[in-house]
Amino acid sequence: MEDVEDDTEIVVDSFSLAWLSHSLRTDFGVELDLRDVRAQDFSSINRIAEYVNALTGRNTANSGDSR
């Protein structure tokens, strides 16, 4: 498996979005309102993190690489 940078553009289809929604709910207790989701919110790992952090009120600016 090749490494993916946090800002690499990714494509999320409806199946991927359903899986992501389920994973965020079961693993982190984060509920996505799929009616309000915009494709650009999920176009990279960074953007997904920003979206989830906005939902949870977390701020990860300048937190560094967590890998």
C-alpha atoms as a PDB file:
ATOM      1  CA  MET A   1       0.000   0.000   0.000  1.00  0.00           C
ATOM      2  CA  GLU A   2       1.412   3.398  -0.926  1.00  0.00           C
ATOM      3  CA  ASP A   3       1.588   6.231   1.591  1.00  0.00           C
ATOM      4  CA  VAL A   4      -0.887   9.056   1.157  1.00  0.00           C
ATOM      5  CA  GLU A   5       0.018  12.544   2.286  1.00  0.00           C
ATOM      6  CA  ASP A   6      -2.524  14.341   4.468  1.00  0.00           C
ATOM      7  CA  ASP A   7      -3.192  16.909   1.727  1.00  0.00           C
ATOM      8  CA  THR A   8      -3.415  14.428  -1.166  1.00  0.00           C
ATOM      9  CA  GLU A   9      -6.691  14.835  -3.043  1.00  0.00           C
ATOM     10  CA  ILE A  10      -9.021  11.884  -2.596  1.00  0.00           C
ATOM     11  CA  VAL A  11     -12.373  11.016  -4.131  1.00  0.00           C
ATOM     12  CA  VAL A  12     -15.192   9.971  -1.814  1.00  0.00           C
ATOM     13  CA  ASP A  13     -18.165   8.264  -3.421  1.00  0.00           C
ATOM     14  CA  SER A  14     -21.478   7.545  -1.709  1.00  0.00           C
ATOM     15  CA  PHE A  15     -20.345   4.114  -0.463  1.00  0.00           C
ATOM     16  CA  SER A  16     -17.135   5.580   0.967  1.00  0.00           C
ATOM     17  CA  LEU A  17     -19.100   8.347   2.632  1.00  0.00           C
ATOM     18  CA  ALA A  18     -21.463   5.839   4.238  1.00  0.00           C
ATOM     19  CA  TRP A  19     -18.475   3.831   5.521  1.00  0.00           C
ATOM     20  CA  LEU A  20     -16.773   6.981   6.789  1.00  0.00           C
ATOM     21  CA  SER A  21     -19.956   8.105   8.527  1.00  0.00           C
ATOM     22  CA  HIS A  22     -20.328   4.712  10.214  1.00  0.00           C
ATOM     23  CA  SER A  23     -16.660   4.625  11.261  1.00  0.00           C
ATOM     24  CA  LEU A  24     -16.731   8.132  12.721  1.00  0.00           C
ATOM     25  CA  ARG A  25     -19.903   7.302  14.650  1.00  0.00           C
ATOM     26  CA  THR A  26     -18.718   3.960  16.056  1.00  0.00           C
ATOM     27  CA  ASP A  27     -15.055   4.843  16.634  1.00  0.00           C
ATOM     28  CA  PHE A  28     -15.323   8.476  17.755  1.00  0.00           C
ATOM     29  CA  GLY A  29     -18.983   9.173  18.537  1.00  0.00           C
ATOM     30  CA  VAL A  30     -19.158  11.762  15.734  1.00  0.00           C
ATOM     31  CA  GLU A  31     -22.477  12.014  13.888  1.00  0.00           C
ATOM     32  CA  LEU A  32     -22.373  13.312  10.315  1.00  0.00           C
ATOM     33  CA  ASP A  33     -25.498  14.926   8.917  1.00  0.00           C
ATOM     34  CA  LEU A  34     -25.252  13.534   5.402  1.00  0.00           C
ATOM     35  CA  ARG A  35     -27.716  16.158   4.162  1.00  0.00           C
ATOM     36  CA  ASP A  36     -25.182  18.887   4.981  1.00  0.00           C
ATOM     37  CA  VAL A  37     -22.046  17.157   3.714  1.00  0.00           C
ATOM     38  CA  ARG A  38     -20.227  18.820   0.807  1.00  0.00           C
ATOM     39  CA  ALA A  39     -17.782  16.918  -1.403  1.00  0.00           C
ATOM     40  CA  GLN A  40     -15.011  19.457  -0.769  1.00  0.00           C
ATOM     41  CA  ASP A  41     -15.215  18.721   2.985  1.00  0.00           C
ATOM     42  CA  PHE A  42     -13.909  15.226   2.227  1.00  0.00           C
ATOM     43  CA  SER A  43     -11.423  15.907  -0.563  1.00  0.00           C
ATOM     44  CA  SER A  44      -8.329  15.164   1.569  1.00  0.00           C
ATOM     45  CA  ILE A  45      -7.418  13.725   4.942  1.00  0.00           C
ATOM     46  CA  ASN A  46      -6.727  17.254   6.193  1.00  0.00           C
ATOM     47  CA  ARG A  47     -10.177  18.446   5.127  1.00  0.00           C
ATOM     48  CA  ILE A  48     -11.883  15.454   6.741  1.00  0.00           C
ATOM     49  CA  ALA A  49     -10.015  16.218   9.970  1.00  0.00           C
ATOM     50  CA  GLU A  50     -10.977  19.905   9.765  1.00  0.00           C
ATOM     51  CA  TYR A  51     -14.638  18.984   9.212  1.00  0.00           C
ATOM     52  CA  VAL A  52     -14.712  16.526  12.112  1.00  0.00           C
ATOM     53  CA  ASN A  53     -12.828  18.933  14.372  1.00  0.00           C
ATOM     54  CA  ALA A  54     -15.365  21.649  13.559  1.00  0.00           C
ATOM     55  CA  LEU A  55     -18.169  19.257  14.542  1.00  0.00           C
ATOM     56  CA  THR A  56     -16.474  18.351  17.809  1.00  0.00           C
ATOM     57  CA  GLY A  57     -15.103  21.802  18.629  1.00  0.00           C
ATOM     58  CA  ARG A  58     -11.499  20.634  18.527  1.00  0.00           C
ATOM     59  CA  ASN A  59      -8.646  22.719  17.185  1.00  0.00           C
ATOM     60  CA  THR A  60      -5.696  20.843  15.709  1.00  0.00           C
ATOM     61  CA  ALA A  61      -3.922  23.789  14.067  1.00  0.00           C
ATOM     62  CA  ASN A  62      -0.167  23.396  14.356  1.00  0.00           C
ATOM     63  CA  SER A  63      -0.538  20.061  16.120  1.00  0.00           C
ATOM     64  CA  GLY A  64       2.103  18.436  13.935  1.00  0.00           C
ATOM     65  CA  ASP A  65       2.082  15.105  12.198  1.00  0.00           C
ATOM     66  CA  SER A  66       0.361  12.479  14.330  1.00  0.00           C
ATOM     67  CA  ARG A  67       1.627   9.429  12.406  1.00  0.00           C
END
